C-alpha atoms as a PDB file:
ATOM      1  CA  MET A   1       0.000   0.000   0.000  1.00  0.00           C
ATOM      2  CA  THR A   2       2.115   2.851  -1.218  1.00  0.00           C
ATOM      3  CA  ASP A   3      -0.687   4.959  -2.691  1.00  0.00           C
ATOM      4  CA  SER A   4      -2.865   7.088  -0.450  1.00  0.00           C
ATOM      5  CA  LYS A   5      -6.279   8.702  -0.655  1.00  0.00           C
ATOM      6  CA  ALA A   6      -8.304  11.239   1.293  1.00  0.00           C
ATOM      7  CA  TRP A   7     -10.412   9.845   4.155  1.00  0.00           C
ATOM      8  CA  TRP A   8     -13.683  10.677   2.377  1.00  0.00           C
ATOM      9  CA  GLN A   9     -12.701   8.444  -0.542  1.00  0.00           C
ATOM     10  CA  SER A  10     -12.652   5.358   1.680  1.00  0.00           C
ATOM     11  CA  ARG A  11     -15.600   2.998   1.168  1.00  0.00           C
ATOM     12  CA  THR A  12     -14.916   1.494   4.571  1.00  0.00           C
ATOM     13  CA  VAL A  13     -15.297   4.883   6.240  1.00  0.00           C
ATOM     14  CA  TRP A  14     -18.637   5.459   4.480  1.00  0.00           C
ATOM     15  CA  VAL A  15     -19.964   2.024   5.436  1.00  0.00           C
ATOM     16  CA  ASN A  16     -19.162   2.858   9.038  1.00  0.00           C
ATOM     17  CA  VAL A  17     -20.787   6.302   8.784  1.00  0.00           C
ATOM     18  CA  VAL A  18     -24.026   4.738   7.538  1.00  0.00           C
ATOM     19  CA  ALA A  19     -23.899   2.056  10.241  1.00  0.00           C
ATOM     20  CA  THR A  20     -23.362   4.675  12.909  1.00  0.00           C
ATOM     21  CA  LEU A  21     -26.338   6.649  11.608  1.00  0.00           C
ATOM     22  CA  PHE A  22     -28.611   3.592  11.807  1.00  0.00           C
ATOM     23  CA  ALA A  23     -27.277   2.698  15.265  1.00  0.00           C
ATOM     24  CA  VAL A  24     -28.015   6.203  16.547  1.00  0.00           C
ATOM     25  CA  LEU A  25     -31.471   6.280  14.935  1.00  0.00           C
ATOM     26  CA  GLY A  26     -32.240   2.846  16.398  1.00  0.00           C
ATOM     27  CA  THR A  27     -31.041   3.865  19.849  1.00  0.00           C
ATOM     28  CA  PHE A  28     -33.447   6.790  19.896  1.00  0.00           C
ATOM     29  CA  LYS A  29     -36.244   4.745  18.252  1.00  0.00           C
ATOM     30  CA  LEU A  30     -36.279   7.047  15.227  1.00  0.00           C
ATOM     31  CA  LEU A  31     -36.387   4.391  12.518  1.00  0.00           C
ATOM     32  CA  PRO A  32     -39.649   4.224  10.498  1.00  0.00           C
ATOM     33  CA  ASP A  33     -42.704   2.740  12.243  1.00  0.00           C
ATOM     34  CA  GLY A  34     -43.486  -0.879  11.568  1.00  0.00           C
ATOM     35  CA  LEU A  35     -39.847  -1.948  11.724  1.00  0.00           C
ATOM     36  CA  ASP A  36     -38.512  -4.008  14.593  1.00  0.00           C
ATOM     37  CA  GLN A  37     -35.872  -1.506  15.647  1.00  0.00           C
ATOM     38  CA  ASP A  38     -33.658  -3.990  17.506  1.00  0.00           C
ATOM     39  CA  SER A  39     -33.687  -6.515  14.667  1.00  0.00           C
ATOM     40  CA  ILE A  40     -32.918  -3.853  12.058  1.00  0.00           C
ATOM     41  CA  VAL A  41     -29.974  -2.455  14.016  1.00  0.00           C
ATOM     42  CA  THR A  42     -28.634  -5.953  14.741  1.00  0.00           C
ATOM     43  CA  ALA A  43     -28.891  -6.928  11.055  1.00  0.00           C
ATOM     44  CA  ILE A  44     -27.216  -3.719   9.915  1.00  0.00           C
ATOM     45  CA  MET A  45     -24.374  -4.071  12.380  1.00  0.00           C
ATOM     46  CA  GLY A  46     -23.800  -7.657  11.228  1.00  0.00           C
ATOM     47  CA  ALA A  47     -23.818  -6.579   7.592  1.00  0.00           C
ATOM     48  CA  VAL A  48     -21.353  -3.802   8.397  1.00  0.00           C
ATOM     49  CA  ALA A  49     -18.967  -6.248  10.017  1.00  0.00           C
ATOM     50  CA  VAL A  50     -18.994  -8.390   6.863  1.00  0.00           C
ATOM     51  CA  ALA A  51     -18.711  -5.322   4.601  1.00  0.00           C
ATOM     52  CA  ASN A  52     -15.719  -4.064   6.592  1.00  0.00           C
ATOM     53  CA  LEU A  53     -13.941  -7.381   6.165  1.00  0.00           C
ATOM     54  CA  VAL A  54     -14.629  -7.487   2.415  1.00  0.00           C
ATOM     55  CA  LEU A  55     -13.652  -3.856   1.867  1.00  0.00           C
ATOM     56  CA  ARG A  56     -10.492  -4.336   3.880  1.00  0.00           C
ATOM     57  CA  LEU A  57      -9.491  -7.262   1.686  1.00  0.00           C
ATOM     58  CA  LEU A  58     -10.127  -5.167  -1.444  1.00  0.00           C
ATOM     59  CA  THR A  59      -8.265  -2.085  -0.241  1.00  0.00           C
ATOM     60  CA  HIS A  60      -5.008  -1.237  -1.976  1.00  0.00           C
ATOM     61  CA  GLU A  61      -4.587   2.390  -0.879  1.00  0.00           C
ATOM     62  CA  ALA A  62      -3.915   3.819   2.570  1.00  0.00           C
ATOM     63  CA  ILE A  63      -5.900   6.741   3.907  1.00  0.00           C
ATOM     64  CA  ALA A  64      -3.735   9.850   4.051  1.00  0.00           C
END
């Protein structure tokens, strides 16, 4: 990894930003009605863990 990129160009960072948003919305019960808030947040956090692993394996540039 000799190349670098700005932090906002990192897919991993954006996946984590979206996950954080859903976690915060779920914590304050602000997700749309009719959704099981706990199940949604749990599913999203699991998907984020998998996405982080995949994106990490695909990453060839360091964040500068």
